[in-house]
Amino acid sequence: MDFMQLSLAELEELETHTGVPLGQLMSKFAAGDYSAKMLQGLTFIVNRRDDEQFTLDDAKDASFSDALAVLTGNDDDDDDLGKE
């Protein structure tokens, strides 16, 4: 995940959702120390860029595999991510 590609508003939203300051978030991601809230927040932010209707509940319904695809940039099958 390239945090440099996120807007300041998205970074603030991620901090708010996780309760973790940006510096700590970046360190945790670099170390592979992911939490479910971090994965949910990033899944929500990244997918909402392509689909304004994508909700946090959609991100919460995403599989662990789909969330990891967001982190790695390997999101070939995310057209209906988190949506049944």
N, C-alpha and C. Protein backbone atom coordinates (compact mmCIF):
# COMPACT_ATOMS: atom_id res chain seq x y z
N MET A 1 0.85 -1.18 0.00
CA MET A 1 0.00 0.00 0.00
C MET A 1 0.88 1.23 0.00
N ASP A 2 0.62 2.12 -0.93
CA ASP A 2 1.38 3.35 -1.02
C ASP A 2 0.58 4.49 -0.39
N PHE A 3 0.91 4.80 0.84
CA PHE A 3 0.19 5.85 1.56
C PHE A 3 0.33 7.20 0.87
N MET A 4 1.37 7.37 0.06
CA MET A 4 1.59 8.63 -0.64
C MET A 4 0.49 8.90 -1.67
N GLN A 5 -0.24 7.87 -2.07
CA GLN A 5 -1.31 8.03 -3.05
C GLN A 5 -2.64 8.42 -2.42
N LEU A 6 -2.73 8.37 -1.10
CA LEU A 6 -3.97 8.73 -0.41
C LEU A 6 -4.01 10.23 -0.19
N SER A 7 -5.20 10.80 -0.29
CA SER A 7 -5.35 12.23 -0.01
C SER A 7 -5.26 12.46 1.50
N LEU A 8 -5.05 13.70 1.88
CA LEU A 8 -5.01 14.01 3.31
C LEU A 8 -6.35 13.69 3.97
N ALA A 9 -7.44 13.94 3.27
CA ALA A 9 -8.76 13.61 3.81
C ALA A 9 -8.90 12.10 4.02
N GLU A 10 -8.39 11.31 3.07
CA GLU A 10 -8.46 9.85 3.21
C GLU A 10 -7.59 9.38 4.37
N LEU A 11 -6.42 9.99 4.52
CA LEU A 11 -5.54 9.62 5.63
C LEU A 11 -6.18 9.96 6.97
N GLU A 12 -6.82 11.12 7.04
CA GLU A 12 -7.51 11.50 8.26
C GLU A 12 -8.65 10.53 8.56
N GLU A 13 -9.38 10.14 7.52
CA GLU A 13 -10.47 9.19 7.69
C GLU A 13 -9.95 7.84 8.20
N LEU A 14 -8.81 7.42 7.68
CA LEU A 14 -8.21 6.16 8.12
C LEU A 14 -7.78 6.26 9.58
N GLU A 15 -7.19 7.38 9.96
CA GLU A 15 -6.81 7.59 11.36
C GLU A 15 -8.04 7.56 12.26
N THR A 16 -9.09 8.23 11.84
CA THR A 16 -10.32 8.28 12.63
C THR A 16 -10.93 6.88 12.78
N HIS A 17 -10.97 6.14 11.68
CA HIS A 17 -11.57 4.80 11.71
C HIS A 17 -10.78 3.84 12.60
N THR A 18 -9.46 3.94 12.54
CA THR A 18 -8.63 2.99 13.28
C THR A 18 -8.27 3.47 14.67
N GLY A 19 -8.28 4.78 14.88
CA GLY A 19 -7.84 5.33 16.15
C GLY A 19 -6.33 5.32 16.31
N VAL A 20 -5.62 5.16 15.19
CA VAL A 20 -4.16 5.06 15.20
C VAL A 20 -3.58 6.20 14.36
N PRO A 21 -2.61 6.96 14.89
CA PRO A 21 -2.00 8.04 14.12
C PRO A 21 -1.29 7.53 12.86
N LEU A 22 -1.19 8.39 11.87
CA LEU A 22 -0.64 8.02 10.57
C LEU A 22 0.74 7.38 10.66
N GLY A 23 1.64 7.95 11.42
CA GLY A 23 3.00 7.40 11.53
C GLY A 23 2.99 5.96 12.02
N GLN A 24 2.13 5.70 13.01
CA GLN A 24 2.02 4.33 13.52
C GLN A 24 1.38 3.41 12.50
N LEU A 25 0.38 3.92 11.78
CA LEU A 25 -0.25 3.11 10.73
C LEU A 25 0.76 2.68 9.69
N MET A 26 1.58 3.63 9.25
CA MET A 26 2.58 3.32 8.23
C MET A 26 3.58 2.30 8.74
N SER A 27 4.00 2.45 9.99
CA SER A 27 4.94 1.49 10.59
C SER A 27 4.32 0.10 10.69
N LYS A 28 3.07 0.06 11.11
CA LYS A 28 2.38 -1.23 11.25
C LYS A 28 2.24 -1.92 9.89
N PHE A 29 1.86 -1.16 8.88
CA PHE A 29 1.72 -1.76 7.55
C PHE A 29 3.06 -2.23 7.02
N ALA A 30 4.10 -1.44 7.22
CA ALA A 30 5.43 -1.83 6.75
C ALA A 30 5.89 -3.13 7.42
N ALA A 31 5.47 -3.32 8.68
CA ALA A 31 5.85 -4.51 9.42
C ALA A 31 4.89 -5.68 9.18
N GLY A 32 3.82 -5.44 8.40
CA GLY A 32 2.84 -6.49 8.16
C GLY A 32 1.93 -6.71 9.35
N ASP A 33 1.84 -5.71 10.23
CA ASP A 33 1.03 -5.79 11.45
C ASP A 33 -0.34 -5.18 11.18
N TYR A 34 -1.20 -5.91 10.46
CA TYR A 34 -2.50 -5.41 10.06
C TYR A 34 -3.56 -5.74 11.10
N SER A 35 -4.48 -4.81 11.30
CA SER A 35 -5.65 -5.09 12.12
C SER A 35 -6.87 -5.11 11.20
N ALA A 36 -7.94 -5.70 11.67
CA ALA A 36 -9.17 -5.74 10.87
C ALA A 36 -9.65 -4.32 10.57
N LYS A 37 -9.55 -3.41 11.55
CA LYS A 37 -9.99 -2.03 11.32
C LYS A 37 -9.13 -1.35 10.26
N MET A 38 -7.85 -1.63 10.25
CA MET A 38 -6.99 -1.05 9.22
C MET A 38 -7.38 -1.57 7.84
N LEU A 39 -7.59 -2.87 7.74
CA LEU A 39 -7.98 -3.46 6.46
C LEU A 39 -9.33 -2.94 6.00
N GLN A 40 -10.28 -2.81 6.93
CA GLN A 40 -11.59 -2.28 6.59
C GLN A 40 -11.47 -0.85 6.07
N GLY A 41 -10.74 -0.03 6.79
CA GLY A 41 -10.59 1.37 6.40
C GLY A 41 -9.96 1.53 5.03
N LEU A 42 -8.89 0.81 4.79
CA LEU A 42 -8.23 0.90 3.48
C LEU A 42 -9.10 0.34 2.36
N THR A 43 -9.77 -0.77 2.64
CA THR A 43 -10.67 -1.36 1.64
C THR A 43 -11.76 -0.36 1.28
N PHE A 44 -12.30 0.29 2.29
CA PHE A 44 -13.34 1.29 2.07
C PHE A 44 -12.82 2.46 1.24
N ILE A 45 -11.70 3.02 1.65
CA ILE A 45 -11.15 4.21 0.99
C ILE A 45 -10.79 3.92 -0.47
N VAL A 46 -10.08 2.83 -0.69
CA VAL A 46 -9.62 2.52 -2.05
C VAL A 46 -10.80 2.21 -2.98
N ASN A 47 -11.77 1.45 -2.50
CA ASN A 47 -12.90 1.08 -3.35
C ASN A 47 -13.87 2.23 -3.56
N ARG A 48 -13.99 3.11 -2.58
CA ARG A 48 -14.89 4.26 -2.74
C ARG A 48 -14.39 5.19 -3.84
N ARG A 49 -13.10 5.17 -4.12
CA ARG A 49 -12.57 6.00 -5.22
C ARG A 49 -13.21 5.63 -6.54
N ASP A 50 -13.48 4.36 -6.75
CA ASP A 50 -14.07 3.88 -8.01
C ASP A 50 -15.59 3.79 -7.95
N ASP A 51 -16.13 3.73 -6.75
CA ASP A 51 -17.57 3.53 -6.58
C ASP A 51 -18.04 4.36 -5.39
N GLU A 52 -18.63 5.51 -5.67
CA GLU A 52 -19.08 6.40 -4.59
C GLU A 52 -20.14 5.76 -3.71
N GLN A 53 -20.77 4.70 -4.20
CA GLN A 53 -21.80 4.01 -3.43
C GLN A 53 -21.21 2.95 -2.48
N PHE A 54 -19.91 2.70 -2.60
CA PHE A 54 -19.25 1.71 -1.75
C PHE A 54 -19.26 2.22 -0.32
N THR A 55 -19.71 1.40 0.62
CA THR A 55 -19.87 1.82 2.01
C THR A 55 -18.89 1.10 2.92
N LEU A 56 -18.79 1.61 4.13
CA LEU A 56 -17.97 0.94 5.13
C LEU A 56 -18.52 -0.46 5.41
N ASP A 57 -19.83 -0.61 5.38
CA ASP A 57 -20.42 -1.94 5.55
C ASP A 57 -19.99 -2.88 4.43
N ASP A 58 -19.88 -2.37 3.20
CA ASP A 58 -19.37 -3.19 2.11
C ASP A 58 -17.95 -3.64 2.41
N ALA A 59 -17.13 -2.73 2.93
CA ALA A 59 -15.75 -3.07 3.27
C ALA A 59 -15.71 -4.11 4.38
N LYS A 60 -16.61 -3.99 5.33
CA LYS A 60 -16.66 -4.96 6.44
C LYS A 60 -17.07 -6.34 5.94
N ASP A 61 -17.84 -6.39 4.86
CA ASP A 61 -18.28 -7.67 4.29
C ASP A 61 -17.24 -8.30 3.37
N ALA A 62 -16.20 -7.54 3.02
CA ALA A 62 -15.16 -8.06 2.12
C ALA A 62 -14.41 -9.21 2.79
N SER A 63 -13.93 -10.12 1.99
CA SER A 63 -13.13 -11.22 2.52
C SER A 63 -11.73 -10.74 2.86
N PHE A 64 -11.04 -11.49 3.68
CA PHE A 64 -9.65 -11.17 4.03
C PHE A 64 -8.81 -11.14 2.76
N SER A 65 -9.07 -12.07 1.86
CA SER A 65 -8.35 -12.12 0.59
C SER A 65 -8.56 -10.85 -0.22
N ASP A 66 -9.79 -10.37 -0.29
CA ASP A 66 -10.08 -9.13 -1.02
C ASP A 66 -9.38 -7.94 -0.38
N ALA A 67 -9.36 -7.89 0.94
CA ALA A 67 -8.70 -6.79 1.64
C ALA A 67 -7.19 -6.81 1.38
N LEU A 68 -6.60 -7.98 1.39
CA LEU A 68 -5.17 -8.08 1.10
C LEU A 68 -4.86 -7.68 -0.34
N ALA A 69 -5.79 -7.95 -1.24
CA ALA A 69 -5.60 -7.54 -2.64
C ALA A 69 -5.54 -6.02 -2.74
N VAL A 70 -6.30 -5.33 -1.92
CA VAL A 70 -6.24 -3.87 -1.90
C VAL A 70 -4.85 -3.42 -1.46
N LEU A 71 -4.30 -4.09 -0.46
CA LEU A 71 -2.98 -3.72 0.06
C LEU A 71 -1.88 -3.97 -0.96
N THR A 72 -1.99 -5.06 -1.69
CA THR A 72 -0.94 -5.43 -2.63
C THR A 72 -1.14 -4.83 -4.01
N GLY A 73 -2.32 -4.24 -4.24
CA GLY A 73 -2.60 -3.67 -5.56
C GLY A 73 -3.03 -4.72 -6.56
N ASN A 74 -3.25 -5.94 -6.11
CA ASN A 74 -3.68 -7.04 -6.97
C ASN A 74 -5.19 -7.21 -6.82
N ASP A 75 -5.93 -6.25 -7.41
CA ASP A 75 -7.38 -6.23 -7.22
C ASP A 75 -8.14 -6.51 -8.52
N ASP A 76 -7.70 -7.51 -9.25
CA ASP A 76 -8.31 -7.84 -10.54
C ASP A 76 -9.78 -8.22 -10.43
N ASP A 77 -10.19 -8.79 -9.29
CA ASP A 77 -11.55 -9.32 -9.16
C ASP A 77 -12.38 -8.50 -8.20
N ASP A 78 -12.12 -7.19 -8.06
CA ASP A 78 -12.83 -6.43 -7.04
C ASP A 78 -14.01 -5.66 -7.60
N ASP A 79 -14.53 -6.02 -8.76
CA ASP A 79 -15.65 -5.29 -9.33
C ASP A 79 -16.85 -5.27 -8.41
N ASP A 80 -17.05 -6.33 -7.64
CA ASP A 80 -18.17 -6.37 -6.71
C ASP A 80 -17.67 -6.68 -5.30
N LEU A 81 -16.53 -6.11 -4.96
CA LEU A 81 -15.92 -6.35 -3.67
C LEU A 81 -16.87 -6.05 -2.53
N GLY A 82 -17.07 -7.03 -1.68
CA GLY A 82 -17.91 -6.85 -0.51
C GLY A 82 -19.40 -6.84 -0.80
N LYS A 83 -19.77 -6.98 -2.06
CA LYS A 83 -21.19 -6.94 -2.41
C LYS A 83 -21.61 -8.30 -2.92
N GLU A 84 -22.69 -8.76 -2.44
CA GLU A 84 -23.21 -10.08 -2.82
C GLU A 84 -24.25 -9.92 -3.91
